[in-house]
Amino acid sequence: MNKNNLLKTMDILIIGVIVIQFVIFLLNYETKLLITMISVLQFVSLIVYFIYSIRLRASFETIINHENRFFNEQFKVIKSNFDQVSYDVAEYFDRQRDITRIRSLFTYSRMFYRKKFILENKETLSFDVILITDKGIFIFDFFEAIFVLKGNYQKDRIKFQYSKNNEVEVFNPLSKLHPIYQKVKEYLEIEDEHMIKRMLVLEDESYVTGMDTLDKDQQITKMLDLESKLRELIDNSMVKLSLEEIEKMEDILDKKITG
């Protein structure tokens, strides 16, 4: 029996007993005085019982309402977590397909995917993808949101516009002053800055302005054009790394990375 039916059953039983007792009272009203007095006392007792039953019912219903709210909130949390896990799993496989497409364009490559650089004071610095290849070191940033990207990409700050009146300024991921770029350059002791290539990957629905400000080591692409835009970076690269050099760089970064 569920909770609502239980409450209805309580109401029916209480009202039923009172009605029966009231009928008995009416039938005995014309009989002996003693029986009548006993019936009156029984009736009064039932009225008192009825009042306390109503209070008990109200208390019971309050407990049930609190319980329902509690379990509804728990269900929402569980559903939210499940939806997030489903999204993360789907995103992971989508990204794996993207990475497979990317790596197929190189002769040799070593990859770090969604890792963190270990900094001083136990702090960390997250990144999406760093690819060490025979054509240089490629740093990829993937953006899932849909927006308008605006700015001069040689500057340190650019803007994301999410709606007509909603715009935010952020550190330019393509900047040479970006922490990820700086750490790769520092750890691998890169002297030739053309060794490091930077690429932003956006959703197909996003819009980009200022593409004419990109240099030959920078690129912005939508998912649909990922391979063609990456090939432009590769074709413009004068870097040639051997497998031994790639593995040496991988070993250096591996000691600086966690996660």
Protein backbone atom coordinates (compact mmCIF):
# COMPACT_ATOMS: atom_id res chain seq x y z
CA MET A 1 0.00 0.00 0.00
CA ASN A 2 1.44 3.39 -0.95
CA LYS A 3 1.50 6.42 1.31
CA ASN A 4 -1.46 8.24 -0.23
CA ASN A 5 -3.69 5.16 0.07
CA LEU A 6 -2.57 4.70 3.67
CA LEU A 7 -3.65 8.25 4.53
CA LYS A 8 -7.02 7.74 2.84
CA THR A 9 -7.55 4.45 4.75
CA MET A 10 -6.84 6.22 8.06
CA ASP A 11 -9.46 8.86 7.22
CA ILE A 12 -12.09 6.25 6.26
CA LEU A 13 -11.55 4.20 9.43
CA ILE A 14 -11.75 7.23 11.72
CA ILE A 15 -14.90 8.65 10.10
CA GLY A 16 -16.48 5.18 9.86
CA VAL A 17 -16.09 4.50 13.59
CA ILE A 18 -17.60 7.89 14.48
CA VAL A 19 -20.58 7.38 12.17
CA ILE A 20 -21.27 3.91 13.61
CA GLN A 21 -21.03 5.20 17.17
CA PHE A 22 -23.32 8.11 16.36
CA VAL A 23 -25.93 5.70 14.95
CA ILE A 24 -25.70 3.58 18.11
CA PHE A 25 -26.17 6.73 20.16
CA LEU A 26 -29.35 7.62 18.25
CA LEU A 27 -30.76 4.09 18.60
CA ASN A 28 -30.15 4.06 22.33
CA TYR A 29 -31.39 7.56 22.96
CA GLU A 30 -34.94 6.36 23.84
CA THR A 31 -33.78 3.42 26.00
CA LYS A 32 -32.45 3.29 29.50
CA LEU A 33 -30.62 6.33 30.90
CA LEU A 34 -27.49 4.34 31.80
CA ILE A 35 -27.04 3.03 28.30
CA THR A 36 -27.58 6.53 26.98
CA MET A 37 -24.93 7.98 29.31
CA ILE A 38 -22.45 5.28 28.32
CA SER A 39 -23.10 6.02 24.67
CA VAL A 40 -22.54 9.72 25.29
CA LEU A 41 -19.22 9.00 26.99
CA GLN A 42 -18.18 6.71 24.14
CA PHE A 43 -19.15 9.35 21.62
CA VAL A 44 -17.19 12.06 23.45
CA SER A 45 -14.19 9.74 23.68
CA LEU A 46 -14.37 9.14 19.96
CA ILE A 47 -14.49 12.88 19.32
CA VAL A 48 -11.32 13.31 21.42
CA TYR A 49 -9.74 10.38 19.58
CA PHE A 50 -10.76 11.96 16.28
CA ILE A 51 -9.04 15.25 17.19
CA TYR A 52 -5.81 13.51 18.16
CA SER A 53 -6.03 11.34 15.04
CA ILE A 54 -6.22 14.45 12.89
CA ARG A 55 -3.12 15.81 14.59
CA LEU A 56 -1.38 12.46 14.14
CA ARG A 57 -2.39 12.38 10.48
CA ALA A 58 -1.06 15.90 9.94
CA SER A 59 2.24 14.95 11.57
CA PHE A 60 2.45 11.77 9.48
CA GLU A 61 1.69 13.69 6.28
CA THR A 62 4.41 16.25 7.12
CA ILE A 63 6.94 13.44 7.53
CA ILE A 64 5.88 11.94 4.20
CA ASN A 65 6.20 15.32 2.46
CA HIS A 66 9.71 15.82 3.88
CA GLU A 67 10.60 12.30 2.78
CA ASN A 68 9.25 12.90 -0.73
CA ARG A 69 11.21 16.15 -1.04
CA PHE A 70 14.37 14.44 0.20
CA PHE A 71 14.13 11.57 -2.30
CA ASN A 72 13.18 13.92 -5.13
CA GLU A 73 16.32 15.95 -4.45
CA GLN A 74 18.41 12.79 -4.28
CA PHE A 75 16.94 11.63 -7.58
CA LYS A 76 17.77 14.97 -9.21
CA VAL A 77 21.38 14.74 -7.98
CA ILE A 78 21.73 11.15 -9.20
CA LYS A 79 20.18 12.01 -12.58
CA SER A 80 22.43 15.06 -12.92
CA ASN A 81 25.52 12.98 -12.15
CA PHE A 82 24.38 10.26 -14.56
CA ASP A 83 23.79 12.82 -17.32
CA GLN A 84 27.24 14.29 -16.70
CA VAL A 85 28.86 10.86 -16.87
CA SER A 86 26.97 10.12 -20.11
CA TYR A 87 28.13 13.44 -21.55
CA ASP A 88 31.74 12.81 -20.48
CA VAL A 89 31.73 9.32 -22.03
CA ALA A 90 30.25 10.61 -25.31
CA GLU A 91 32.70 13.51 -25.35
CA TYR A 92 35.62 11.14 -24.68
CA PHE A 93 34.81 8.93 -27.68
CA ASP A 94 34.21 11.98 -29.89
CA ARG A 95 37.58 13.37 -28.87
CA GLN A 96 39.29 10.02 -29.47
CA ARG A 97 37.99 10.05 -33.04
CA ASP A 98 39.27 13.61 -33.48
CA ILE A 99 42.70 12.66 -32.16
CA THR A 100 42.89 9.63 -34.44
CA ARG A 101 42.21 11.92 -37.40
CA ILE A 102 44.86 14.36 -36.18
CA ARG A 103 47.59 11.79 -35.59
CA SER A 104 47.04 10.16 -38.97
CA LEU A 105 48.55 13.26 -40.62
CA PHE A 106 51.99 12.72 -39.04
CA THR A 107 54.69 10.16 -39.64
CA TYR A 108 55.56 9.98 -35.93
CA SER A 109 53.69 11.34 -32.95
CA ARG A 110 53.46 11.05 -29.18
CA MET A 111 50.43 12.40 -27.35
CA PHE A 112 49.44 13.76 -23.94
CA TYR A 113 45.66 14.00 -23.62
CA ARG A 114 43.87 15.93 -20.87
CA LYS A 115 46.76 15.97 -18.44
CA LYS A 116 48.17 18.47 -15.98
CA PHE A 117 51.59 20.04 -15.62
CA ILE A 118 52.95 19.81 -12.09
CA LEU A 119 53.85 23.29 -10.86
CA GLU A 120 55.43 24.58 -7.70
CA ASN A 121 53.56 24.41 -4.37
CA LYS A 122 51.67 21.31 -5.59
CA GLU A 123 49.64 23.38 -8.05
CA THR A 124 48.74 22.03 -11.49
CA LEU A 125 48.02 23.43 -14.96
CA SER A 126 45.50 21.58 -17.16
CA PHE A 127 45.63 21.22 -20.93
CA ASP A 128 43.61 19.38 -23.61
CA VAL A 129 46.13 17.90 -26.05
CA ILE A 130 49.87 18.22 -26.59
CA LEU A 131 51.16 16.33 -29.62
CA ILE A 132 54.89 15.86 -30.19
CA THR A 133 55.36 15.07 -33.88
CA ASP A 134 57.93 14.96 -36.65
CA LYS A 135 56.58 18.39 -37.74
CA GLY A 136 56.87 20.05 -34.34
CA ILE A 137 54.99 20.32 -31.06
CA PHE A 138 51.26 21.01 -31.40
CA ILE A 139 49.16 22.42 -28.56
CA PHE A 140 45.40 21.94 -29.06
CA ASP A 141 42.58 23.65 -27.18
CA PHE A 142 39.07 22.25 -27.72
CA PHE A 143 36.08 24.50 -26.96
CA GLU A 144 32.70 22.80 -26.57
CA ALA A 145 30.55 25.94 -26.23
CA ILE A 146 29.07 27.88 -29.15
CA PHE A 147 30.13 31.54 -29.35
CA VAL A 148 31.62 34.30 -31.48
CA LEU A 149 35.40 34.50 -31.11
CA LYS A 150 36.81 37.99 -31.60
CA GLY A 151 40.18 39.68 -31.34
CA ASN A 152 43.70 40.16 -32.60
CA TYR A 153 45.38 36.79 -32.01
CA GLN A 154 48.82 38.38 -31.60
CA LYS A 155 47.48 40.07 -28.47
CA ASP A 156 47.30 38.46 -25.04
CA ARG A 157 43.54 38.95 -24.58
CA ILE A 158 40.64 37.93 -26.85
CA LYS A 159 36.85 37.95 -26.44
CA PHE A 160 34.15 35.28 -26.40
CA GLN A 161 30.66 36.54 -27.18
CA TYR A 162 27.98 34.09 -26.04
CA SER A 163 24.95 36.26 -26.80
CA LYS A 164 24.09 39.76 -27.96
CA ASN A 165 24.83 41.30 -24.56
CA ASN A 166 27.08 38.64 -23.03
CA GLU A 167 30.78 38.99 -23.79
CA VAL A 168 33.79 37.89 -21.77
CA GLU A 169 37.48 38.66 -22.20
CA VAL A 170 39.94 35.79 -21.65
CA PHE A 171 43.63 35.03 -21.92
CA ASN A 172 44.40 34.22 -25.55
CA PRO A 173 45.14 30.45 -25.80
CA LEU A 174 47.23 31.17 -28.91
CA SER A 175 49.45 33.71 -27.14
CA LYS A 176 53.11 32.94 -26.58
CA LEU A 177 52.62 34.18 -23.04
CA HIS A 178 49.99 31.55 -22.31
CA PRO A 179 51.11 29.34 -19.37
CA ILE A 180 50.83 26.09 -21.37
CA TYR A 181 53.03 27.47 -24.15
CA GLN A 182 55.52 28.79 -21.60
CA LYS A 183 55.76 25.48 -19.76
CA VAL A 184 56.30 23.46 -22.94
CA LYS A 185 58.99 25.89 -24.03
CA GLU A 186 60.64 25.85 -20.60
CA TYR A 187 60.58 22.10 -19.98
CA LEU A 188 61.81 21.18 -23.46
CA GLU A 189 64.28 24.09 -23.60
CA ILE A 190 62.90 25.24 -26.95
CA GLU A 191 64.97 28.00 -28.58
CA ASP A 192 63.25 28.06 -31.97
CA GLU A 193 59.72 29.36 -31.29
CA HIS A 194 58.54 28.00 -34.64
CA MET A 195 58.90 24.53 -33.10
CA ILE A 196 55.62 25.08 -31.16
CA LYS A 197 52.30 25.27 -33.04
CA ARG A 198 49.01 26.33 -31.41
CA MET A 199 45.50 25.45 -32.52
CA LEU A 200 41.98 26.29 -31.28
CA VAL A 201 39.24 23.81 -32.22
CA LEU A 202 35.67 25.17 -32.07
CA GLU A 203 32.17 23.80 -32.56
CA ASP A 204 30.89 24.08 -36.13
CA GLU A 205 28.19 26.54 -35.05
CA SER A 206 30.72 29.01 -33.67
CA TYR A 207 31.86 32.10 -35.58
CA VAL A 208 35.36 33.58 -35.78
CA THR A 209 36.58 37.06 -36.65
CA GLY A 210 40.14 38.36 -36.97
CA MET A 211 41.51 35.32 -38.80
CA ASP A 212 43.84 37.64 -40.73
CA THR A 213 45.81 38.30 -37.51
CA LEU A 214 46.99 34.68 -37.20
CA ASP A 215 50.65 33.90 -37.82
CA LYS A 216 51.96 30.74 -39.53
CA ASP A 217 52.28 28.91 -36.17
CA GLN A 218 48.68 29.60 -35.16
CA GLN A 219 45.39 28.22 -36.41
CA ILE A 220 41.70 28.35 -35.52
CA THR A 221 39.35 25.75 -36.95
CA LYS A 222 35.88 24.34 -36.65
CA MET A 223 35.50 20.60 -36.17
CA LEU A 224 34.40 20.18 -39.77
CA ASP A 225 37.64 21.72 -41.08
CA LEU A 226 39.99 20.21 -38.51
CA GLU A 227 42.09 18.11 -40.88
CA SER A 228 42.42 20.72 -43.62
CA LYS A 229 43.40 23.52 -41.21
CA LEU A 230 45.88 21.28 -39.43
CA ARG A 231 47.40 20.32 -42.76
CA GLU A 232 47.99 24.04 -43.43
CA LEU A 233 50.01 24.25 -40.21
CA ILE A 234 51.94 21.13 -41.15
CA ASP A 235 52.68 22.35 -44.66
CA ASN A 236 53.96 25.68 -43.31
CA SER A 237 56.24 23.98 -40.77
CA MET A 238 59.95 23.75 -41.50
CA VAL A 239 60.51 21.52 -38.44
CA LYS A 240 61.79 17.98 -38.90
CA LEU A 241 62.12 15.81 -35.81
CA SER A 242 63.35 12.23 -35.72
CA LEU A 243 61.64 9.49 -33.73
CA GLU A 244 64.51 9.56 -31.24
CA GLU A 245 64.05 13.30 -30.67
CA ILE A 246 60.29 12.86 -30.26
CA GLU A 247 60.72 10.10 -27.67
CA LYS A 248 63.28 12.16 -25.77
CA MET A 249 60.84 15.09 -25.55
CA GLU A 250 58.06 12.72 -24.52
CA ASP A 251 60.20 11.38 -21.69
CA ILE A 252 60.99 14.91 -20.46
CA LEU A 253 57.34 16.00 -20.44
CA ASP A 254 56.18 12.72 -18.92
CA LYS A 255 58.16 13.56 -15.78
CA LYS A 256 56.45 16.95 -15.53
CA ILE A 257 52.90 15.71 -16.08
CA THR A 258 50.25 14.06 -13.91
CA GLY A 259 46.64 12.95 -14.32
